[in-house]
Amino acid sequence: MIDSLRLTNLEVRRFLLARHALWPPRTLTGQDGIQATFDRLACIQFDPLDVVGRNPDLVLQSRVADYRPAMLYELLYAERKLYDYWDKMMSIVPLRDWPRLALLRASWREHHAERRAQHAEHVETILNAIREQGPMSSLDFEAHHDVDWKTDWRWGPMRAAKALLEMLGDTGELMIHHRQGARRYYDLAERVLPGEVAAQPLLLDEEEYLRWRVARRC
């Protein structure tokens, strides 16, 4: 028999704040503090809109006492401890999760298979150009045509190059190498991934993967 647990309202509030790295307030510092926040939260939505600050900056500055946006950029695009990826929404996630998200990338490949086939020529043009020239953005490609993938809510009418780059990012063939403002520059995933991450075995057991995903959300 499990004994009941009695908590005061204050204890419950502080437990919830601590669970989200908000209590004690702003005791985390530096890049270690940023990584500790990701250890606790697992991911942070990457919304580039800046009204009073971008979402990841607002989340981190409320937890990390000396936070500056340049610190996050360093972890994302220089040290490669974090990376941009779709996790319910466009997010920042720890790069150590790459092997565990293999089945998610596989599901995106299945999801995009038909449209990838429809745009096969342009996909190869993009991949070959990046392979030869290094990181590129959608502005580096001619506007051959527009697409309107209405079945996916995050895509409205847009240039095909932009949509195809995002699609190849979903499937894990490309990764965001760096950003200039809100503009994303993509490179081949094998050139972005640090060797120690690329060498890790992929999590391909569906039951184990789902257990990990549920635990990650708790």
N, C-alpha and C. Protein backbone atom coordinates (compact mmCIF):
# COMPACT_ATOMS: atom_id res chain seq x y z
N MET A 1 0.85 -1.19 0.00
CA MET A 1 0.00 0.00 0.00
C MET A 1 0.88 1.24 0.00
N ILE A 2 0.55 2.18 -0.85
CA ILE A 2 1.34 3.41 -0.95
C ILE A 2 0.75 4.45 -0.03
N ASP A 3 1.59 5.00 0.85
CA ASP A 3 1.13 6.06 1.74
C ASP A 3 0.81 7.31 0.92
N SER A 4 -0.22 8.02 1.34
CA SER A 4 -0.58 9.26 0.65
C SER A 4 0.47 10.32 0.95
N LEU A 5 0.65 11.20 0.00
CA LEU A 5 1.62 12.28 0.14
C LEU A 5 0.85 13.58 0.27
N ARG A 6 1.13 14.29 1.35
CA ARG A 6 0.44 15.56 1.59
C ARG A 6 1.43 16.71 1.38
N LEU A 7 1.04 17.61 0.52
CA LEU A 7 1.88 18.76 0.21
C LEU A 7 1.08 20.04 0.35
N THR A 8 1.75 21.07 0.78
CA THR A 8 1.09 22.37 0.82
C THR A 8 1.06 22.97 -0.58
N ASN A 9 0.23 23.97 -0.77
CA ASN A 9 0.18 24.65 -2.07
C ASN A 9 1.54 25.23 -2.43
N LEU A 10 2.24 25.76 -1.44
CA LEU A 10 3.57 26.33 -1.69
C LEU A 10 4.54 25.25 -2.14
N GLU A 11 4.49 24.08 -1.51
CA GLU A 11 5.38 22.98 -1.90
C GLU A 11 5.10 22.51 -3.32
N VAL A 12 3.83 22.43 -3.67
CA VAL A 12 3.47 22.02 -5.03
C VAL A 12 3.96 23.05 -6.04
N ARG A 13 3.75 24.33 -5.75
CA ARG A 13 4.21 25.38 -6.67
C ARG A 13 5.72 25.32 -6.84
N ARG A 14 6.43 25.14 -5.74
CA ARG A 14 7.89 25.11 -5.84
C ARG A 14 8.38 23.84 -6.54
N PHE A 15 7.67 22.75 -6.35
CA PHE A 15 8.03 21.52 -7.08
C PHE A 15 7.90 21.75 -8.59
N LEU A 16 6.79 22.34 -9.02
CA LEU A 16 6.58 22.57 -10.44
C LEU A 16 7.61 23.56 -11.00
N LEU A 17 7.92 24.59 -10.23
CA LEU A 17 8.94 25.54 -10.67
C LEU A 17 10.30 24.87 -10.77
N ALA A 18 10.64 24.04 -9.80
CA ALA A 18 11.93 23.34 -9.82
C ALA A 18 12.00 22.38 -11.00
N ARG A 19 10.88 21.71 -11.28
CA ARG A 19 10.85 20.76 -12.39
C ARG A 19 11.16 21.45 -13.71
N HIS A 20 10.80 22.72 -13.82
CA HIS A 20 11.03 23.47 -15.05
C HIS A 20 12.23 24.40 -14.94
N ALA A 21 13.11 24.10 -13.97
CA ALA A 21 14.38 24.82 -13.80
C ALA A 21 14.18 26.30 -13.47
N LEU A 22 13.09 26.61 -12.79
CA LEU A 22 12.81 28.00 -12.41
C LEU A 22 12.96 28.25 -10.91
N TRP A 23 13.27 27.19 -10.17
CA TRP A 23 13.45 27.35 -8.72
C TRP A 23 14.63 26.49 -8.26
N PRO A 24 15.52 27.06 -7.45
CA PRO A 24 15.64 28.47 -7.08
C PRO A 24 15.88 29.34 -8.32
N PRO A 25 15.46 30.60 -8.26
CA PRO A 25 15.48 31.42 -9.48
C PRO A 25 16.88 31.78 -9.95
N ARG A 26 17.12 31.58 -11.25
CA ARG A 26 18.32 32.04 -11.96
C ARG A 26 19.62 31.68 -11.24
N THR A 27 19.70 30.43 -10.82
CA THR A 27 20.94 29.95 -10.19
C THR A 27 21.88 29.32 -11.21
N LEU A 28 21.40 29.06 -12.43
CA LEU A 28 22.23 28.49 -13.47
C LEU A 28 23.06 29.59 -14.12
N THR A 29 24.24 29.24 -14.60
CA THR A 29 25.09 30.24 -15.25
C THR A 29 25.82 29.61 -16.44
N GLY A 30 26.16 30.45 -17.40
CA GLY A 30 27.02 30.07 -18.50
C GLY A 30 26.42 29.00 -19.41
N GLN A 31 27.29 28.48 -20.29
CA GLN A 31 26.84 27.45 -21.21
C GLN A 31 26.47 26.16 -20.49
N ASP A 32 27.11 25.90 -19.35
CA ASP A 32 26.71 24.73 -18.56
C ASP A 32 25.27 24.90 -18.08
N GLY A 33 24.90 26.14 -17.74
CA GLY A 33 23.52 26.41 -17.32
C GLY A 33 22.53 26.21 -18.45
N ILE A 34 22.92 26.58 -19.67
CA ILE A 34 22.05 26.36 -20.83
C ILE A 34 21.85 24.87 -21.05
N GLN A 35 22.95 24.11 -20.99
CA GLN A 35 22.82 22.68 -21.21
C GLN A 35 22.03 22.01 -20.09
N ALA A 36 22.17 22.51 -18.85
CA ALA A 36 21.37 21.97 -17.76
C ALA A 36 19.88 22.23 -17.99
N THR A 37 19.56 23.37 -18.59
CA THR A 37 18.17 23.66 -18.92
C THR A 37 17.63 22.67 -19.94
N PHE A 38 18.43 22.35 -20.95
CA PHE A 38 18.00 21.37 -21.94
C PHE A 38 17.93 19.97 -21.34
N ASP A 39 18.79 19.67 -20.38
CA ASP A 39 18.68 18.39 -19.69
C ASP A 39 17.33 18.26 -19.02
N ARG A 40 16.81 19.37 -18.50
CA ARG A 40 15.54 19.36 -17.79
C ARG A 40 14.36 19.43 -18.74
N LEU A 41 14.43 20.29 -19.76
CA LEU A 41 13.27 20.55 -20.61
C LEU A 41 13.23 19.68 -21.87
N ALA A 42 14.37 19.14 -22.27
CA ALA A 42 14.53 18.28 -23.46
C ALA A 42 14.55 19.06 -24.77
N CYS A 43 13.68 20.04 -24.93
CA CYS A 43 13.71 20.86 -26.14
C CYS A 43 13.07 22.21 -25.82
N ILE A 44 13.39 23.18 -26.68
CA ILE A 44 12.79 24.51 -26.57
C ILE A 44 12.33 24.92 -27.96
N GLN A 45 11.12 25.42 -28.09
CA GLN A 45 10.62 25.85 -29.38
C GLN A 45 11.51 26.96 -29.94
N PHE A 46 11.87 26.82 -31.23
CA PHE A 46 12.69 27.84 -31.88
C PHE A 46 11.78 28.68 -32.78
N ASP A 47 11.17 29.70 -32.21
CA ASP A 47 10.35 30.64 -32.97
C ASP A 47 11.22 31.86 -33.25
N PRO A 48 11.51 32.15 -34.52
CA PRO A 48 12.42 33.26 -34.83
C PRO A 48 11.80 34.64 -34.65
N LEU A 49 10.47 34.71 -34.46
CA LEU A 49 9.83 36.02 -34.29
C LEU A 49 10.36 36.69 -33.04
N ASP A 50 10.71 37.96 -33.19
CA ASP A 50 11.31 38.72 -32.09
C ASP A 50 10.45 39.94 -31.81
N VAL A 51 9.59 39.83 -30.81
CA VAL A 51 8.76 40.96 -30.40
C VAL A 51 9.43 41.65 -29.21
N VAL A 52 9.54 40.93 -28.10
CA VAL A 52 10.34 41.41 -26.97
C VAL A 52 11.53 40.49 -26.76
N GLY A 53 11.80 39.63 -27.74
CA GLY A 53 12.86 38.63 -27.65
C GLY A 53 12.37 37.35 -28.30
N ARG A 54 13.29 36.55 -28.85
CA ARG A 54 12.91 35.27 -29.43
C ARG A 54 12.57 34.28 -28.31
N ASN A 55 11.71 33.33 -28.63
CA ASN A 55 11.27 32.38 -27.60
C ASN A 55 12.42 31.69 -26.89
N PRO A 56 13.42 31.11 -27.59
CA PRO A 56 14.49 30.43 -26.83
C PRO A 56 15.27 31.36 -25.93
N ASP A 57 15.44 32.61 -26.37
CA ASP A 57 16.16 33.58 -25.52
C ASP A 57 15.35 33.91 -24.27
N LEU A 58 14.03 34.05 -24.41
CA LEU A 58 13.19 34.35 -23.25
C LEU A 58 13.19 33.19 -22.26
N VAL A 59 13.11 31.95 -22.80
CA VAL A 59 13.13 30.77 -21.93
C VAL A 59 14.44 30.68 -21.16
N LEU A 60 15.55 30.90 -21.85
CA LEU A 60 16.86 30.71 -21.23
C LEU A 60 17.23 31.87 -20.30
N GLN A 61 16.88 33.09 -20.65
CA GLN A 61 17.26 34.19 -19.78
C GLN A 61 16.49 34.16 -18.46
N SER A 62 15.35 33.48 -18.43
CA SER A 62 14.60 33.37 -17.18
C SER A 62 15.18 32.30 -16.26
N ARG A 63 16.16 31.54 -16.78
CA ARG A 63 16.75 30.45 -16.00
C ARG A 63 18.26 30.59 -15.81
N VAL A 64 18.92 31.21 -16.76
CA VAL A 64 20.38 31.32 -16.74
C VAL A 64 20.76 32.77 -16.48
N ALA A 65 21.41 33.02 -15.35
CA ALA A 65 21.60 34.38 -14.85
C ALA A 65 22.36 35.28 -15.82
N ASP A 66 23.39 34.75 -16.47
CA ASP A 66 24.22 35.59 -17.34
C ASP A 66 23.98 35.29 -18.82
N TYR A 67 22.79 34.81 -19.16
CA TYR A 67 22.51 34.38 -20.53
C TYR A 67 22.63 35.53 -21.52
N ARG A 68 23.24 35.22 -22.68
CA ARG A 68 23.27 36.11 -23.84
C ARG A 68 23.00 35.26 -25.08
N PRO A 69 22.27 35.78 -26.07
CA PRO A 69 21.96 34.98 -27.27
C PRO A 69 23.19 34.39 -27.95
N ALA A 70 24.32 35.07 -27.88
CA ALA A 70 25.53 34.54 -28.51
C ALA A 70 25.95 33.21 -27.90
N MET A 71 25.62 32.99 -26.63
CA MET A 71 25.97 31.73 -25.97
C MET A 71 25.20 30.58 -26.60
N LEU A 72 23.94 30.80 -26.92
CA LEU A 72 23.13 29.76 -27.56
C LEU A 72 23.64 29.49 -28.97
N TYR A 73 23.97 30.56 -29.70
CA TYR A 73 24.49 30.40 -31.05
C TYR A 73 25.77 29.56 -31.03
N GLU A 74 26.63 29.79 -30.05
CA GLU A 74 27.87 29.04 -29.93
C GLU A 74 27.59 27.55 -29.74
N LEU A 75 26.64 27.22 -28.87
CA LEU A 75 26.32 25.82 -28.61
C LEU A 75 25.67 25.15 -29.82
N LEU A 76 24.91 25.94 -30.59
CA LEU A 76 24.23 25.39 -31.77
C LEU A 76 25.17 25.18 -32.94
N TYR A 77 25.95 26.19 -33.29
CA TYR A 77 26.61 26.20 -34.58
C TYR A 77 28.14 26.17 -34.52
N ALA A 78 28.72 26.24 -33.33
CA ALA A 78 30.17 26.13 -33.20
C ALA A 78 30.53 24.84 -32.46
N GLU A 79 29.99 24.70 -31.26
CA GLU A 79 30.31 23.50 -30.47
C GLU A 79 29.47 22.29 -30.84
N ARG A 80 28.34 22.52 -31.53
CA ARG A 80 27.46 21.43 -31.97
C ARG A 80 26.98 20.57 -30.80
N LYS A 81 26.60 21.23 -29.72
CA LYS A 81 25.99 20.52 -28.60
C LYS A 81 24.48 20.44 -28.75
N LEU A 82 23.92 21.35 -29.54
CA LEU A 82 22.48 21.44 -29.79
C LEU A 82 22.27 21.51 -31.29
N TYR A 83 21.04 21.25 -31.74
CA TYR A 83 20.74 21.45 -33.16
C TYR A 83 19.27 21.75 -33.37
N ASP A 84 18.96 22.32 -34.53
CA ASP A 84 17.58 22.66 -34.90
C ASP A 84 16.89 21.42 -35.44
N TYR A 85 15.71 21.11 -34.91
CA TYR A 85 14.96 19.99 -35.48
C TYR A 85 13.50 20.11 -35.11
N TRP A 86 12.67 19.39 -35.85
CA TRP A 86 11.22 19.39 -35.64
C TRP A 86 10.89 18.46 -34.48
N ASP A 87 10.32 19.00 -33.41
CA ASP A 87 9.93 18.21 -32.25
C ASP A 87 8.58 18.74 -31.76
N LYS A 88 7.52 18.32 -32.44
CA LYS A 88 6.16 18.86 -32.35
C LYS A 88 6.07 20.20 -33.06
N MET A 89 7.13 20.96 -33.06
CA MET A 89 7.26 22.24 -33.74
C MET A 89 8.75 22.45 -33.96
N MET A 90 9.12 23.48 -34.71
CA MET A 90 10.54 23.72 -34.90
C MET A 90 11.16 24.04 -33.55
N SER A 91 12.20 23.30 -33.19
CA SER A 91 12.75 23.36 -31.84
C SER A 91 14.27 23.33 -31.86
N ILE A 92 14.82 23.53 -30.69
CA ILE A 92 16.24 23.26 -30.43
C ILE A 92 16.30 22.05 -29.52
N VAL A 93 17.08 21.06 -29.90
CA VAL A 93 17.19 19.83 -29.10
C VAL A 93 18.67 19.49 -28.91
N PRO A 94 19.01 18.76 -27.87
CA PRO A 94 20.40 18.33 -27.68
C PRO A 94 20.84 17.41 -28.81
N LEU A 95 22.05 17.61 -29.30
CA LEU A 95 22.55 16.78 -30.40
C LEU A 95 22.69 15.32 -29.98
N ARG A 96 22.84 15.06 -28.70
CA ARG A 96 22.93 13.66 -28.26
C ARG A 96 21.66 12.88 -28.57
N ASP A 97 20.54 13.58 -28.85
CA ASP A 97 19.29 12.91 -29.18
C ASP A 97 19.25 12.44 -30.64
N TRP A 98 20.21 12.83 -31.46
CA TRP A 98 20.19 12.45 -32.87
C TRP A 98 20.00 10.95 -33.08
N PRO A 99 20.79 10.06 -32.43
CA PRO A 99 20.61 8.63 -32.66
C PRO A 99 19.24 8.13 -32.21
N ARG A 100 18.67 8.75 -31.18
CA ARG A 100 17.39 8.30 -30.65
C ARG A 100 16.21 8.79 -31.50
N LEU A 101 16.45 9.74 -32.37
CA LEU A 101 15.37 10.26 -33.22
C LEU A 101 15.40 9.65 -34.63
N ALA A 102 16.11 8.53 -34.78
CA ALA A 102 16.22 7.89 -36.09
C ALA A 102 14.85 7.49 -36.65
N LEU A 103 13.97 6.98 -35.79
CA LEU A 103 12.65 6.55 -36.28
C LEU A 103 11.79 7.75 -36.66
N LEU A 104 12.00 8.88 -36.01
CA LEU A 104 11.27 10.08 -36.40
C LEU A 104 11.72 10.53 -37.78
N ARG A 105 13.01 10.49 -38.03
CA ARG A 105 13.50 10.85 -39.37
C ARG A 105 12.96 9.87 -40.41
N ALA A 106 12.89 8.59 -40.04
CA ALA A 106 12.34 7.59 -40.96
C ALA A 106 10.87 7.87 -41.28
N SER A 107 10.13 8.30 -40.28
CA SER A 107 8.71 8.61 -40.52
C SER A 107 8.56 9.82 -41.43
N TRP A 108 9.47 10.78 -41.30
CA TRP A 108 9.45 11.93 -42.21
C TRP A 108 9.78 11.50 -43.63
N ARG A 109 10.73 10.55 -43.80
CA ARG A 109 11.05 10.09 -45.14
C ARG A 109 9.83 9.44 -45.80
N GLU A 110 9.08 8.67 -45.02
CA GLU A 110 7.87 8.06 -45.54
C GLU A 110 6.82 9.12 -45.87
N HIS A 111 6.70 10.09 -44.97
CA HIS A 111 5.71 11.15 -45.14
C HIS A 111 5.98 11.97 -46.41
N HIS A 112 7.26 12.21 -46.69
CA HIS A 112 7.63 13.07 -47.82
C HIS A 112 7.90 12.30 -49.11
N ALA A 113 7.76 10.98 -49.10
CA ALA A 113 8.20 10.17 -50.24
C ALA A 113 7.56 10.61 -51.55
N GLU A 114 6.27 10.85 -51.55
CA GLU A 114 5.59 11.19 -52.80
C GLU A 114 6.05 12.54 -53.33
N ARG A 115 6.10 13.55 -52.47
CA ARG A 115 6.50 14.87 -52.96
C ARG A 115 7.99 14.89 -53.32
N ARG A 116 8.79 14.08 -52.62
CA ARG A 116 10.20 13.99 -53.00
C ARG A 116 10.34 13.43 -54.42
N ALA A 117 9.53 12.41 -54.73
CA ALA A 117 9.56 11.84 -56.07
C ALA A 117 9.10 12.86 -57.12
N GLN A 118 8.10 13.66 -56.78
CA GLN A 118 7.60 14.66 -57.71
C GLN A 118 8.65 15.73 -58.02
N HIS A 119 9.53 16.00 -57.06
CA HIS A 119 10.53 17.05 -57.21
C HIS A 119 11.94 16.47 -57.24
N ALA A 120 12.08 15.23 -57.72
CA ALA A 120 13.35 14.52 -57.65
C ALA A 120 14.49 15.29 -58.32
N GLU A 121 14.22 15.90 -59.45
CA GLU A 121 15.27 16.62 -60.17
C GLU A 121 15.80 17.79 -59.33
N HIS A 122 14.89 18.54 -58.71
CA HIS A 122 15.31 19.69 -57.92
C HIS A 122 15.99 19.25 -56.62
N VAL A 123 15.54 18.14 -56.05
CA VAL A 123 16.20 17.61 -54.85
C VAL A 123 17.66 17.28 -55.16
N GLU A 124 17.90 16.62 -56.29
CA GLU A 124 19.27 16.27 -56.66
C GLU A 124 20.10 17.52 -56.95
N THR A 125 19.48 18.52 -57.56
CA THR A 125 20.19 19.78 -57.81
C THR A 125 20.64 20.41 -56.50
N ILE A 126 19.75 20.43 -55.51
CA ILE A 126 20.07 21.00 -54.20
C ILE A 126 21.17 20.22 -53.52
N LEU A 127 21.03 18.90 -53.46
CA LEU A 127 22.02 18.08 -52.76
C LEU A 127 23.38 18.17 -53.44
N ASN A 128 23.42 18.15 -54.76
CA ASN A 128 24.70 18.23 -55.46
C ASN A 128 25.36 19.59 -55.26
N ALA A 129 24.56 20.66 -55.26
CA ALA A 129 25.13 21.99 -55.07
C ALA A 129 25.73 22.13 -53.67
N ILE A 130 25.01 21.67 -52.67
CA ILE A 130 25.52 21.75 -51.30
C ILE A 130 26.74 20.85 -51.13
N ARG A 131 26.71 19.68 -51.75
CA ARG A 131 27.85 18.77 -51.67
C ARG A 131 29.11 19.42 -52.23
N GLU A 132 28.95 20.19 -53.30
CA GLU A 132 30.10 20.80 -53.96
C GLU A 132 30.51 22.14 -53.37
N GLN A 133 29.52 22.92 -52.90
CA GLN A 133 29.80 24.30 -52.52
C GLN A 133 29.74 24.57 -51.02
N GLY A 134 29.20 23.62 -50.24
CA GLY A 134 29.08 23.85 -48.81
C GLY A 134 27.74 24.44 -48.44
N PRO A 135 27.59 24.96 -47.22
CA PRO A 135 26.29 25.42 -46.72
C PRO A 135 25.64 26.46 -47.63
N MET A 136 24.34 26.28 -47.88
CA MET A 136 23.59 27.17 -48.76
C MET A 136 22.21 27.43 -48.18
N SER A 137 21.64 28.57 -48.57
CA SER A 137 20.27 28.90 -48.17
C SER A 137 19.37 28.85 -49.39
N SER A 138 18.09 29.04 -49.17
CA SER A 138 17.14 28.96 -50.29
C SER A 138 17.40 30.05 -51.32
N LEU A 139 17.99 31.18 -50.91
CA LEU A 139 18.26 32.26 -51.85
C LEU A 139 19.38 31.93 -52.82
N ASP A 140 20.13 30.87 -52.52
CA ASP A 140 21.21 30.47 -53.42
C ASP A 140 20.72 29.66 -54.61
N PHE A 141 19.41 29.37 -54.64
CA PHE A 141 18.85 28.57 -55.73
C PHE A 141 17.85 29.38 -56.53
N GLU A 142 17.80 29.14 -57.81
CA GLU A 142 16.86 29.84 -58.66
C GLU A 142 15.42 29.49 -58.26
N ALA A 143 14.54 30.45 -58.47
CA ALA A 143 13.12 30.23 -58.14
C ALA A 143 12.46 29.50 -59.31
N HIS A 144 12.71 28.19 -59.42
CA HIS A 144 12.15 27.42 -60.54
C HIS A 144 10.62 27.45 -60.51
N HIS A 145 10.05 27.32 -59.33
CA HIS A 145 8.60 27.30 -59.22
C HIS A 145 8.26 27.42 -57.73
N ASP A 146 6.97 27.60 -57.47
CA ASP A 146 6.48 27.64 -56.10
C ASP A 146 5.71 26.36 -55.82
N VAL A 147 5.56 26.05 -54.54
CA VAL A 147 4.75 24.91 -54.14
C VAL A 147 3.75 25.37 -53.09
N ASP A 148 2.68 24.61 -52.94
CA ASP A 148 1.68 24.88 -51.92
C ASP A 148 1.24 23.55 -51.35
N TRP A 149 1.96 23.10 -50.34
CA TRP A 149 1.70 21.79 -49.74
C TRP A 149 0.67 21.95 -48.63
N LYS A 150 -0.59 22.07 -49.01
CA LYS A 150 -1.65 22.41 -48.07
C LYS A 150 -1.92 21.30 -47.06
N THR A 151 -1.49 20.08 -47.36
CA THR A 151 -1.75 18.98 -46.42
C THR A 151 -0.87 19.08 -45.18
N ASP A 152 0.17 19.91 -45.23
CA ASP A 152 1.03 20.13 -44.07
C ASP A 152 0.84 21.55 -43.59
N TRP A 153 0.36 21.70 -42.36
CA TRP A 153 -0.07 23.02 -41.91
C TRP A 153 1.07 24.03 -41.87
N ARG A 154 2.32 23.55 -41.73
CA ARG A 154 3.39 24.54 -41.61
C ARG A 154 3.85 25.08 -42.94
N TRP A 155 3.35 24.52 -44.04
CA TRP A 155 3.73 24.97 -45.36
C TRP A 155 2.54 25.61 -46.07
N GLY A 156 2.66 26.86 -46.37
CA GLY A 156 1.73 27.49 -47.28
C GLY A 156 2.45 27.66 -48.61
N PRO A 157 1.96 28.53 -49.48
CA PRO A 157 2.67 28.78 -50.74
C PRO A 157 4.06 29.34 -50.46
N MET A 158 5.08 28.76 -51.08
CA MET A 158 6.45 29.24 -50.90
C MET A 158 7.31 28.74 -52.05
N ARG A 159 8.51 29.30 -52.14
CA ARG A 159 9.45 28.87 -53.16
C ARG A 159 9.81 27.41 -52.93
N ALA A 160 9.91 26.68 -54.04
CA ALA A 160 10.20 25.25 -53.93
C ALA A 160 11.52 25.00 -53.21
N ALA A 161 12.53 25.83 -53.47
CA ALA A 161 13.84 25.61 -52.84
C ALA A 161 13.73 25.65 -51.32
N LYS A 162 12.98 26.59 -50.80
CA LYS A 162 12.83 26.70 -49.35
C LYS A 162 12.11 25.48 -48.79
N ALA A 163 11.02 25.07 -49.44
CA ALA A 163 10.26 23.91 -48.97
C ALA A 163 11.09 22.64 -49.05
N LEU A 164 11.85 22.47 -50.13
CA LEU A 164 12.64 21.25 -50.29
C LEU A 164 13.80 21.20 -49.29
N LEU A 165 14.40 22.33 -48.99
CA LEU A 165 15.44 22.36 -47.96
C LEU A 165 14.87 21.94 -46.61
N GLU A 166 13.70 22.45 -46.28
CA GLU A 166 13.07 22.06 -45.01
C GLU A 166 12.73 20.57 -45.01
N MET A 167 12.25 20.07 -46.15
CA MET A 167 11.92 18.65 -46.26
C MET A 167 13.17 17.80 -46.03
N LEU A 168 14.29 18.16 -46.65
CA LEU A 168 15.53 17.40 -46.49
C LEU A 168 16.09 17.53 -45.08
N GLY A 169 15.75 18.63 -44.40
CA GLY A 169 16.10 18.73 -42.99
C GLY A 169 15.27 17.80 -42.13
N ASP A 170 13.99 17.65 -42.46
CA ASP A 170 13.12 16.70 -41.75
C ASP A 170 13.66 15.28 -41.84
N THR A 171 14.09 14.89 -43.04
CA THR A 171 14.50 13.51 -43.27
C THR A 171 15.90 13.22 -42.75
N GLY A 172 16.64 14.26 -42.37
CA GLY A 172 17.98 14.06 -41.82
C GLY A 172 19.07 14.03 -42.86
N GLU A 173 18.74 14.29 -44.12
CA GLU A 173 19.78 14.35 -45.14
C GLU A 173 20.57 15.65 -45.03
N LEU A 174 19.89 16.72 -44.65
CA LEU A 174 20.54 18.00 -44.40
C LEU A 174 20.32 18.40 -42.95
N MET A 175 21.19 19.27 -42.46
CA MET A 175 21.02 19.88 -41.15
C MET A 175 21.31 21.37 -41.28
N ILE A 176 20.75 22.15 -40.39
CA ILE A 176 21.04 23.58 -40.40
C ILE A 176 22.46 23.78 -39.89
N HIS A 177 23.29 24.31 -40.75
CA HIS A 177 24.70 24.53 -40.43
C HIS A 177 24.89 25.79 -39.59
N HIS A 178 24.18 26.86 -39.97
CA HIS A 178 24.22 28.10 -39.20
C HIS A 178 23.06 28.97 -39.67
N ARG A 179 22.87 30.07 -39.00
CA ARG A 179 21.84 31.05 -39.37
C ARG A 179 22.48 32.42 -39.50
N GLN A 180 21.92 33.19 -40.40
CA GLN A 180 22.20 34.62 -40.46
C GLN A 180 20.88 35.33 -40.24
N GLY A 181 20.68 35.83 -39.02
CA GLY A 181 19.36 36.30 -38.64
C GLY A 181 18.42 35.12 -38.60
N ALA A 182 17.31 35.24 -39.33
CA ALA A 182 16.36 34.13 -39.38
C ALA A 182 16.63 33.20 -40.56
N ARG A 183 17.59 33.55 -41.42
CA ARG A 183 17.85 32.75 -42.61
C ARG A 183 18.69 31.53 -42.27
N ARG A 184 18.24 30.35 -42.75
CA ARG A 184 18.90 29.09 -42.44
C ARG A 184 19.81 28.65 -43.58
N TYR A 185 21.01 28.24 -43.22
CA TYR A 185 21.96 27.69 -44.17
C TYR A 185 22.14 26.21 -43.88
N TYR A 186 21.95 25.38 -44.90
CA TYR A 186 21.94 23.93 -44.73
C TYR A 186 23.22 23.32 -45.27
N ASP A 187 23.64 22.22 -44.63
CA ASP A 187 24.75 21.43 -45.13
C ASP A 187 24.38 19.96 -44.99
N LEU A 188 25.17 19.09 -45.63
CA LEU A 188 24.93 17.65 -45.51
C LEU A 188 25.07 17.23 -44.05
N ALA A 189 24.17 16.37 -43.59
CA ALA A 189 24.17 15.97 -42.18
C ALA A 189 25.50 15.35 -41.78
N GLU A 190 26.11 14.54 -42.67
CA GLU A 190 27.36 13.87 -42.30
C GLU A 190 28.50 14.85 -42.09
N ARG A 191 28.36 16.07 -42.64
CA ARG A 191 29.41 17.07 -42.44
C ARG A 191 29.16 17.91 -41.20
N VAL A 192 27.92 17.92 -40.72
CA VAL A 192 27.59 18.70 -39.53
C VAL A 192 27.75 17.87 -38.27
N LEU A 193 27.37 16.60 -38.32
CA LEU A 193 27.40 15.76 -37.13
C LEU A 193 28.82 15.52 -36.65
N PRO A 194 29.11 15.77 -35.37
CA PRO A 194 30.41 15.38 -34.82
C PRO A 194 30.59 13.87 -34.92
N GLY A 195 31.82 13.43 -35.08
CA GLY A 195 32.09 12.01 -35.29
C GLY A 195 31.57 11.13 -34.18
N GLU A 196 31.66 11.60 -32.92
CA GLU A 196 31.24 10.76 -31.80
C GLU A 196 29.72 10.55 -31.80
N VAL A 197 28.97 11.52 -32.34
CA VAL A 197 27.52 11.37 -32.43
C VAL A 197 27.17 10.46 -33.62
N ALA A 198 27.81 10.70 -34.76
CA ALA A 198 27.53 9.89 -35.95
C ALA A 198 27.85 8.42 -35.73
N ALA A 199 28.81 8.14 -34.84
CA ALA A 199 29.23 6.75 -34.62
C ALA A 199 28.31 5.99 -33.67
N GLN A 200 27.40 6.67 -32.99
CA GLN A 200 26.54 6.00 -32.03
C GLN A 200 25.49 5.15 -32.75
N PRO A 201 25.12 4.00 -32.19
CA PRO A 201 24.07 3.18 -32.81
C PRO A 201 22.72 3.88 -32.77
N LEU A 202 21.95 3.72 -33.83
CA LEU A 202 20.64 4.35 -33.91
C LEU A 202 19.62 3.55 -33.11
N LEU A 203 18.68 4.26 -32.50
CA LEU A 203 17.60 3.60 -31.77
C LEU A 203 16.50 3.25 -32.76
N LEU A 204 16.42 1.97 -33.15
CA LEU A 204 15.50 1.52 -34.18
C LEU A 204 14.41 0.60 -33.65
N ASP A 205 14.44 0.29 -32.35
CA ASP A 205 13.40 -0.53 -31.75
C ASP A 205 12.22 0.37 -31.40
N GLU A 206 11.07 0.12 -32.03
CA GLU A 206 9.95 1.04 -31.90
C GLU A 206 9.44 1.14 -30.47
N GLU A 207 9.33 0.02 -29.76
CA GLU A 207 8.83 0.07 -28.39
C GLU A 207 9.78 0.86 -27.50
N GLU A 208 11.07 0.60 -27.64
CA GLU A 208 12.05 1.34 -26.83
C GLU A 208 12.02 2.83 -27.16
N TYR A 209 11.88 3.12 -28.45
CA TYR A 209 11.80 4.51 -28.89
C TYR A 209 10.59 5.21 -28.29
N LEU A 210 9.43 4.57 -28.31
CA LEU A 210 8.22 5.19 -27.77
C LEU A 210 8.32 5.38 -26.26
N ARG A 211 8.92 4.42 -25.57
CA ARG A 211 9.13 4.58 -24.13
C ARG A 211 10.02 5.79 -23.85
N TRP A 212 11.07 5.92 -24.65
CA TRP A 212 11.96 7.06 -24.47
C TRP A 212 11.24 8.37 -24.74
N ARG A 213 10.42 8.41 -25.78
CA ARG A 213 9.70 9.64 -26.13
C ARG A 213 8.74 10.04 -25.02
N VAL A 214 8.04 9.06 -24.46
CA VAL A 214 7.08 9.38 -23.38
C VAL A 214 7.85 9.89 -22.15
N ALA A 215 8.94 9.18 -21.78
CA ALA A 215 9.71 9.60 -20.61
C ALA A 215 10.30 11.00 -20.82
N ARG A 216 10.67 11.30 -22.04
CA ARG A 216 11.27 12.59 -22.37
C ARG A 216 10.28 13.73 -22.18
N ARG A 217 8.99 13.44 -22.31
CA ARG A 217 7.97 14.46 -22.16
C ARG A 217 7.56 14.68 -20.70
N CYS A 218 7.96 13.79 -19.82
CA CYS A 218 7.51 13.86 -18.43
C CYS A 218 8.33 14.89 -17.64
